[in-house]
Protein backbone atom coordinates (compact mmCIF):
# COMPACT_ATOMS: atom_id res chain seq x y z
CA MET A 1 13.99 4.28 -24.34
CA SER A 2 13.66 7.14 -23.33
CA SER A 3 11.32 8.48 -20.79
CA LEU A 4 8.56 10.74 -21.19
CA SER A 5 8.61 14.49 -20.36
CA SER A 6 6.36 15.28 -16.93
CA LYS A 7 4.00 17.21 -18.89
CA ASN A 8 3.49 14.11 -21.48
CA VAL A 9 2.42 11.90 -18.53
CA TYR A 10 0.32 14.13 -16.92
CA SER A 11 -1.60 15.10 -19.84
CA PHE A 12 -1.76 11.08 -20.62
CA ILE A 13 -3.04 10.28 -16.92
CA GLY A 14 -5.30 13.55 -17.05
CA MET A 15 -6.69 12.52 -20.23
CA ILE A 16 -7.47 8.88 -18.63
CA PHE A 17 -8.71 10.12 -15.90
CA LEU A 18 -11.46 12.34 -17.88
CA VAL A 19 -12.58 9.25 -19.56
CA PHE A 20 -12.89 7.40 -16.33
CA LEU A 21 -15.27 10.10 -14.67
CA LEU A 22 -17.48 10.37 -17.82
CA LEU A 23 -17.96 6.72 -17.80
CA ILE A 24 -18.59 6.11 -14.58
CA THR A 25 -19.38 9.35 -12.63
CA SER A 26 -23.43 9.48 -12.49
CA SER A 27 -25.70 12.28 -11.11
CA ASN A 28 -27.20 9.91 -8.52
CA VAL A 29 -24.28 9.88 -6.39
CA THR A 30 -25.90 6.75 -3.64
CA ALA A 31 -24.41 3.46 -4.59
CA LYS A 32 -26.38 0.28 -6.29
CA THR A 33 -25.60 -1.30 -3.33
CA ASN A 34 -27.55 1.08 -1.08
CA LEU A 35 -24.05 1.49 1.32
CA SER A 36 -23.31 4.90 2.12
CA ALA A 37 -19.41 5.97 0.95
CA ARG A 38 -18.53 4.96 4.82
CA ASP A 39 -20.10 1.99 4.79
CA ILE A 40 -17.85 0.92 1.81
CA VAL A 41 -14.76 2.07 2.95
CA GLU A 42 -15.34 -0.03 6.22
CA LEU A 43 -15.62 -2.92 4.08
CA VAL A 44 -12.82 -2.76 2.11
CA ASP A 45 -10.80 -2.02 5.59
CA GLU A 46 -12.08 -5.17 7.04
CA SER A 47 -11.27 -6.96 3.59
CA ARG A 48 -7.61 -5.58 3.70
CA ARG A 49 -7.25 -6.60 7.32
CA GLN A 50 -8.06 -10.40 6.48
CA THR A 51 -4.92 -10.43 4.48
CA THR A 52 -2.60 -9.50 7.37
CA ASP A 53 -4.48 -12.06 9.64
CA SER A 54 -1.59 -14.31 10.98
CA ALA A 55 -0.13 -14.25 7.25
CA PHE A 56 3.51 -15.12 6.17
CA THR A 57 4.31 -13.68 2.71
CA ARG A 58 7.19 -13.40 0.20
CA MET A 59 7.13 -10.43 -2.26
CA SER A 60 9.26 -8.94 -4.58
CA LEU A 61 9.51 -5.14 -5.15
CA THR A 62 10.21 -3.85 -8.52
CA THR A 63 11.42 -0.26 -9.03
CA CYS A 64 12.66 1.90 -12.09
CA LYS A 65 12.19 4.85 -13.98
CA TYR A 66 8.98 4.71 -16.74
CA GLY A 67 7.89 5.57 -19.65
CA ILE A 68 4.71 5.36 -21.74
CA SER A 69 4.85 3.35 -25.28
CA LYS A 70 1.94 2.21 -27.25
CA GLY A 71 -0.22 2.95 -24.20
CA LYS A 72 1.48 1.01 -21.66
CA LEU A 73 3.68 1.71 -19.14
CA LYS A 74 7.43 0.54 -19.49
CA CYS A 75 10.71 0.41 -17.64
CA ALA A 76 13.02 3.38 -19.00
CA LYS A 77 15.84 2.15 -17.44
CA LYS A 78 17.08 -1.25 -15.21
CA ALA A 79 14.75 -1.93 -12.78
CA ARG A 80 15.94 -2.73 -8.67
CA ILE A 81 14.57 -6.22 -7.55
CA LYS A 82 14.36 -6.54 -3.99
CA VAL A 83 12.70 -9.57 -2.08
CA ILE A 84 11.06 -9.49 0.90
CA GLU A 85 9.77 -11.96 3.38
CA SER A 86 7.10 -10.69 5.72
CA ALA A 87 5.37 -11.79 8.82
CA GLN A 88 1.89 -9.84 9.91
CA VAL A 89 -0.59 -10.50 13.30
CA ASN A 90 -3.87 -8.61 13.61
CA THR A 91 -4.10 -7.66 17.60
CA GLY A 92 -5.26 -4.80 20.13
CA GLU A 93 -8.94 -4.37 20.22
CA ASP A 94 -11.28 -6.27 18.00
CA ASN A 95 -8.29 -7.25 16.25
CA LYS A 96 -8.21 -3.90 14.28
CA ASP A 97 -4.19 -3.15 14.97
CA VAL A 98 -1.45 -4.51 12.79
CA LYS A 99 2.07 -5.51 13.79
CA SER A 100 3.80 -6.71 10.83
CA ILE A 101 7.95 -7.45 10.21
CA SER A 102 9.28 -7.46 6.80
CA ILE A 103 12.69 -8.20 6.26
CA VAL A 104 15.25 -8.23 2.84
CA LEU A 105 16.36 -11.55 1.02
CA GLU A 106 17.79 -10.00 -1.92
CA PRO A 107 20.15 -8.22 -3.06
CA ALA A 108 22.73 -9.84 -1.21
CA ASN A 109 24.01 -6.58 -0.36
CA GLU A 110 20.87 -5.42 1.48
CA ARG A 111 20.18 -8.45 3.03
CA GLY A 112 19.19 -8.51 6.71
CA ILE A 113 17.79 -5.14 6.18
CA GLY A 114 14.34 -5.23 8.40
CA MET A 115 11.49 -3.37 9.12
CA LEU A 116 9.43 -3.46 12.33
CA SER A 117 5.94 -1.53 12.19
CA PHE A 118 2.93 -0.96 14.35
CA SER A 119 -0.37 -0.05 13.07
CA TYR A 120 -3.40 1.13 15.46
CA ASP A 121 -6.84 1.56 14.45
CA ASP A 122 -7.28 4.35 16.93
CA SER A 123 -7.15 7.85 15.18
CA ASP A 124 -5.46 9.00 18.51
CA ARG A 125 -2.81 6.72 18.62
CA ASP A 126 0.53 7.42 15.98
CA ASN A 127 1.56 4.45 13.98
CA GLU A 128 5.24 3.25 14.52
CA THR A 129 7.81 1.95 12.69
CA TRP A 130 11.78 1.17 13.11
CA ILE A 131 14.06 0.15 10.27
CA TYR A 132 17.33 -2.10 10.90
CA LEU A 133 20.12 -0.88 8.76
CA SER A 134 22.46 -3.77 8.59
CA ALA A 135 25.42 -1.53 7.29
CA LEU A 136 25.12 0.82 10.35
CA GLY A 137 24.25 -2.14 12.61
CA LYS A 138 21.54 -0.33 14.59
CA VAL A 139 17.75 0.13 14.95
CA LYS A 140 15.93 3.53 13.74
CA ARG A 141 12.75 5.01 14.73
CA MET A 142 11.57 6.14 11.16
CA SER A 143 9.03 9.09 10.85
CA THR A 144 5.50 8.08 9.84
CA SER A 145 4.82 11.59 8.80
CA SER A 146 4.52 12.19 5.25
CA SER A 147 4.06 16.16 5.48
CA ASP A 148 5.43 18.49 2.57
CA ASP A 149 8.44 19.30 5.07
CA GLU A 150 9.25 15.47 5.54
CA ASP A 151 12.16 13.83 3.73
CA THR A 152 10.63 11.24 1.66
CA GLU A 153 12.93 8.40 2.06
CA SER A 154 12.03 8.77 5.61
CA ALA A 155 8.61 7.59 5.13
CA SER A 156 9.59 4.67 2.23
CA LEU A 157 9.53 0.93 1.85
CA PHE A 158 12.95 0.08 1.43
CA GLY A 159 13.41 2.78 -0.80
CA THR A 160 10.69 2.17 -3.05
CA GLU A 161 7.47 4.24 -4.21
CA ILE A 162 5.40 2.75 -1.38
CA THR A 163 5.19 4.88 1.63
CA ILE A 164 4.34 4.05 5.52
CA GLU A 165 1.21 6.20 4.73
CA ASP A 166 -0.07 4.16 1.42
CA GLN A 167 0.10 0.72 3.48
CA GLU A 168 -1.65 2.03 6.21
CA THR A 169 -5.50 0.74 7.66
CA GLY A 170 -7.69 1.52 9.95
CA LYS A 171 -8.02 5.44 11.63
CA LEU A 172 -11.01 5.94 9.38
CA ASP A 173 -12.31 8.77 11.49
CA ASP A 174 -9.36 10.72 10.20
CA PHE A 175 -11.23 11.40 6.84
CA ASN A 176 -14.58 12.02 5.74
CA TYR A 177 -15.82 9.87 2.51
CA GLU A 178 -17.90 10.87 -0.66
CA ILE A 179 -18.99 8.91 -3.26
CA LEU A 180 -18.57 10.35 -6.64
CA GLY A 181 -20.27 8.00 -8.99
CA GLU A 182 -20.58 4.21 -9.85
CA GLY A 183 -20.63 1.96 -12.88
CA LYS A 184 -17.77 -0.32 -14.87
CA PHE A 185 -13.85 -0.22 -14.65
CA ARG A 186 -12.35 -3.66 -16.20
CA GLY A 187 -15.42 -5.09 -16.19
CA ARG A 188 -16.25 -5.08 -13.08
CA GLU A 189 -19.01 -2.80 -10.91
CA VAL A 190 -17.67 -0.27 -8.87
CA VAL A 191 -18.10 2.82 -6.82
CA ILE A 192 -15.41 5.97 -7.53
CA ILE A 193 -15.26 7.43 -3.46
CA GLU A 194 -13.47 10.28 -2.58
CA SER A 195 -11.52 10.73 0.90
CA THR A 196 -10.44 14.08 2.34
CA PRO A 197 -8.48 14.18 5.16
CA LYS A 198 -9.60 15.96 8.22
CA PRO A 199 -7.69 19.09 9.57
CA HIS A 200 -5.86 17.07 11.86
CA ARG A 201 -4.81 14.66 9.30
CA LEU A 202 -4.01 16.68 6.65
CA LYS A 203 -1.30 18.78 8.70
CA LYS A 204 1.14 14.98 8.79
CA SER A 205 -0.12 13.66 4.93
CA ARG A 206 0.99 14.33 1.79
CA TYR A 207 -2.18 13.70 0.36
CA GLY A 208 -4.92 16.31 0.17
CA LYS A 209 -7.63 14.00 -1.25
CA THR A 210 -7.43 10.49 -2.86
CA ARG A 211 -9.77 8.43 -5.60
CA SER A 212 -10.63 4.96 -5.08
CA TRP A 213 -12.28 2.34 -7.53
CA ILE A 214 -13.93 -0.10 -5.04
CA ASP A 215 -15.09 -3.37 -6.71
CA SER A 216 -18.82 -3.13 -5.22
CA GLU A 217 -18.80 -7.08 -4.91
CA ARG A 218 -15.67 -7.91 -3.51
CA PHE A 219 -14.90 -4.90 -1.53
CA ILE A 220 -11.65 -4.33 -2.86
CA THR A 221 -9.65 -1.72 -4.21
CA LEU A 222 -8.76 -1.64 -7.90
CA LYS A 223 -7.50 1.85 -8.47
CA VAL A 224 -6.80 4.81 -6.30
CA GLN A 225 -5.40 8.09 -7.27
CA MET A 226 -3.55 10.35 -4.91
CA PHE A 227 -3.67 14.55 -4.82
CA ASP A 228 -1.58 16.90 -3.22
CA LYS A 229 -2.82 19.71 -1.21
CA ASN A 230 -2.87 21.70 -4.09
CA LYS A 231 -5.46 19.47 -5.92
CA LYS A 232 -2.41 18.08 -8.19
CA PRO A 233 -2.82 14.39 -9.35
CA ILE A 234 1.03 13.36 -7.81
CA LYS A 235 0.29 9.39 -7.55
CA GLN A 236 -1.41 6.50 -8.68
CA LEU A 237 -2.07 2.93 -7.42
CA ASP A 238 -3.22 0.15 -9.91
CA ALA A 239 -4.03 -3.25 -8.99
CA GLY A 240 -4.20 -6.17 -10.66
CA LYS A 241 -4.14 -10.23 -10.79
CA VAL A 242 -7.09 -10.27 -8.32
CA GLU A 243 -7.51 -13.90 -6.86
CA LYS A 244 -9.32 -15.30 -3.95
CA ILE A 245 -6.61 -17.02 -1.32
CA ASN A 246 -8.13 -18.62 1.31
CA ASP A 247 -11.67 -17.48 0.87
CA ILE A 248 -10.14 -13.78 0.83
CA TRP A 249 -10.28 -11.46 -2.31
CA MET A 250 -6.55 -9.88 -3.15
CA SER A 251 -4.75 -8.46 -5.49
CA ARG A 252 -1.51 -10.14 -6.07
CA SER A 253 0.33 -7.28 -7.97
CA LEU A 254 0.11 -3.65 -7.03
CA THR A 255 1.83 -0.63 -8.86
CA PHE A 256 2.58 2.63 -7.12
CA MET A 257 3.36 5.28 -9.53
CA ASN A 258 5.07 8.51 -8.91
CA LEU A 259 3.87 10.87 -11.42
CA VAL A 260 6.17 13.60 -10.25
CA THR A 261 9.43 11.70 -10.39
CA GLN A 262 8.08 9.32 -13.23
CA THR A 263 9.21 6.31 -10.52
CA LEU A 264 6.79 3.11 -10.06
CA THR A 265 7.31 0.22 -7.57
CA ASN A 266 5.85 -3.19 -8.45
CA MET A 267 4.69 -5.42 -5.40
CA LYS A 268 4.61 -8.52 -6.62
CA ILE A 269 2.93 -11.26 -3.89
CA GLU A 270 4.79 -14.48 -5.00
CA ALA A 271 3.31 -16.51 -2.27
CA ILE A 272 1.24 -16.32 0.71
CA ASN A 273 0.27 -18.18 3.56
CA PHE A 274 -2.66 -17.63 6.35
CA ASN A 275 -3.13 -18.85 9.79
CA ILE A 276 0.55 -19.13 10.97
CA LYS A 277 1.58 -19.61 13.99
CA ILE A 278 3.78 -15.95 14.49
CA GLU A 279 5.38 -15.97 17.73
CA PRO A 280 4.67 -12.37 19.99
CA SER A 281 8.81 -12.46 20.37
CA PHE A 282 9.61 -12.19 16.47
CA LEU A 283 7.29 -8.74 16.32
CA THR A 284 10.27 -6.66 18.36
CA LYS A 285 13.13 -4.71 17.89
CA ARG A 286 15.47 -7.77 19.02
CA ALA A 287 14.27 -9.67 15.66
CA LEU A 288 15.96 -6.53 13.65
CA ASN A 289 19.03 -6.85 15.17
CA ASP A 290 19.60 -9.99 16.27
CA GLN A 291 20.54 -12.28 12.86
CA ALA A 292 20.60 -15.79 14.82
CA PHE A 293 17.02 -14.80 16.61
CA ARG A 294 15.77 -13.71 13.53
CA GLU A 295 17.00 -16.58 11.11
CA LYS A 296 15.53 -18.93 14.25
CA TYR A 297 11.77 -17.62 13.85
CA LEU A 298 12.38 -17.33 9.94
CA LEU A 299 13.21 -20.87 9.25
CA ASP A 300 9.89 -22.34 11.69
CA LEU A 301 8.10 -19.56 9.16
CA ARG A 302 9.03 -21.01 6.04
CA GLU A 303 8.61 -24.26 7.47
CA GLN A 304 4.84 -24.22 8.34
CA ALA A 305 4.57 -22.61 5.35
CA LYS A 306 5.43 -25.43 3.07
């Protein structure tokens, strides 16, 4: 199937967006929860952080060019599939920082490529990310900036449509928040919140603003629209298969759509285990370039996850 033109895709997304606004936006911008926009965002951030609390995850990342057929997204070309194992721990003050490591298992020619990330809640402290490229045999510090003049690949998660910025938690003081409306979305009560980066954040962000459809009972994000600095929609995130795992509400499927390149990446969580003992020494650059060291810890994590 051939993909649709960029113009048609923008028209389709714009039409859907207008319909949602008509259905959901209210003249009363105070949520029924009586919480402020900032209160809601904090609850969402806390909920999301629970999914990285001593967790060991196996996931698949499926990336393809897409088209729209009969109102449904379809891969227009053969998809590229990667299988990843990831370990995460919360650390720092009030456990609001996150350390994580992700290793590619498949395809075979990319096995061993890894990424190490340290995310800090403090707005004054830049996040840190390193990637190990097995073909080069060395660890490289990645740029976490997503400004317009950055190479987009530099901030991509293993060459997918998911960027480091998309996965970021914390740093809530970097944004202003506003409730645009409330109503129902996919049968759930939601609040639409617009997040606008403050000047210092805007300088290093690809997004001029985002709009999030937040489940007002479970405080998880069901949909996000990302706009560039000219207020043009450039990306969309859709959450699916929401489940309660270990008493934590989470989505097991996230689809990131790049509206400019008409490329999507679906992140599917195949397995996730909490309360896993993850040694601090595993969350280091040595685990990226020392195969024996890395495999020893991965074997232990797989054993704990049984």
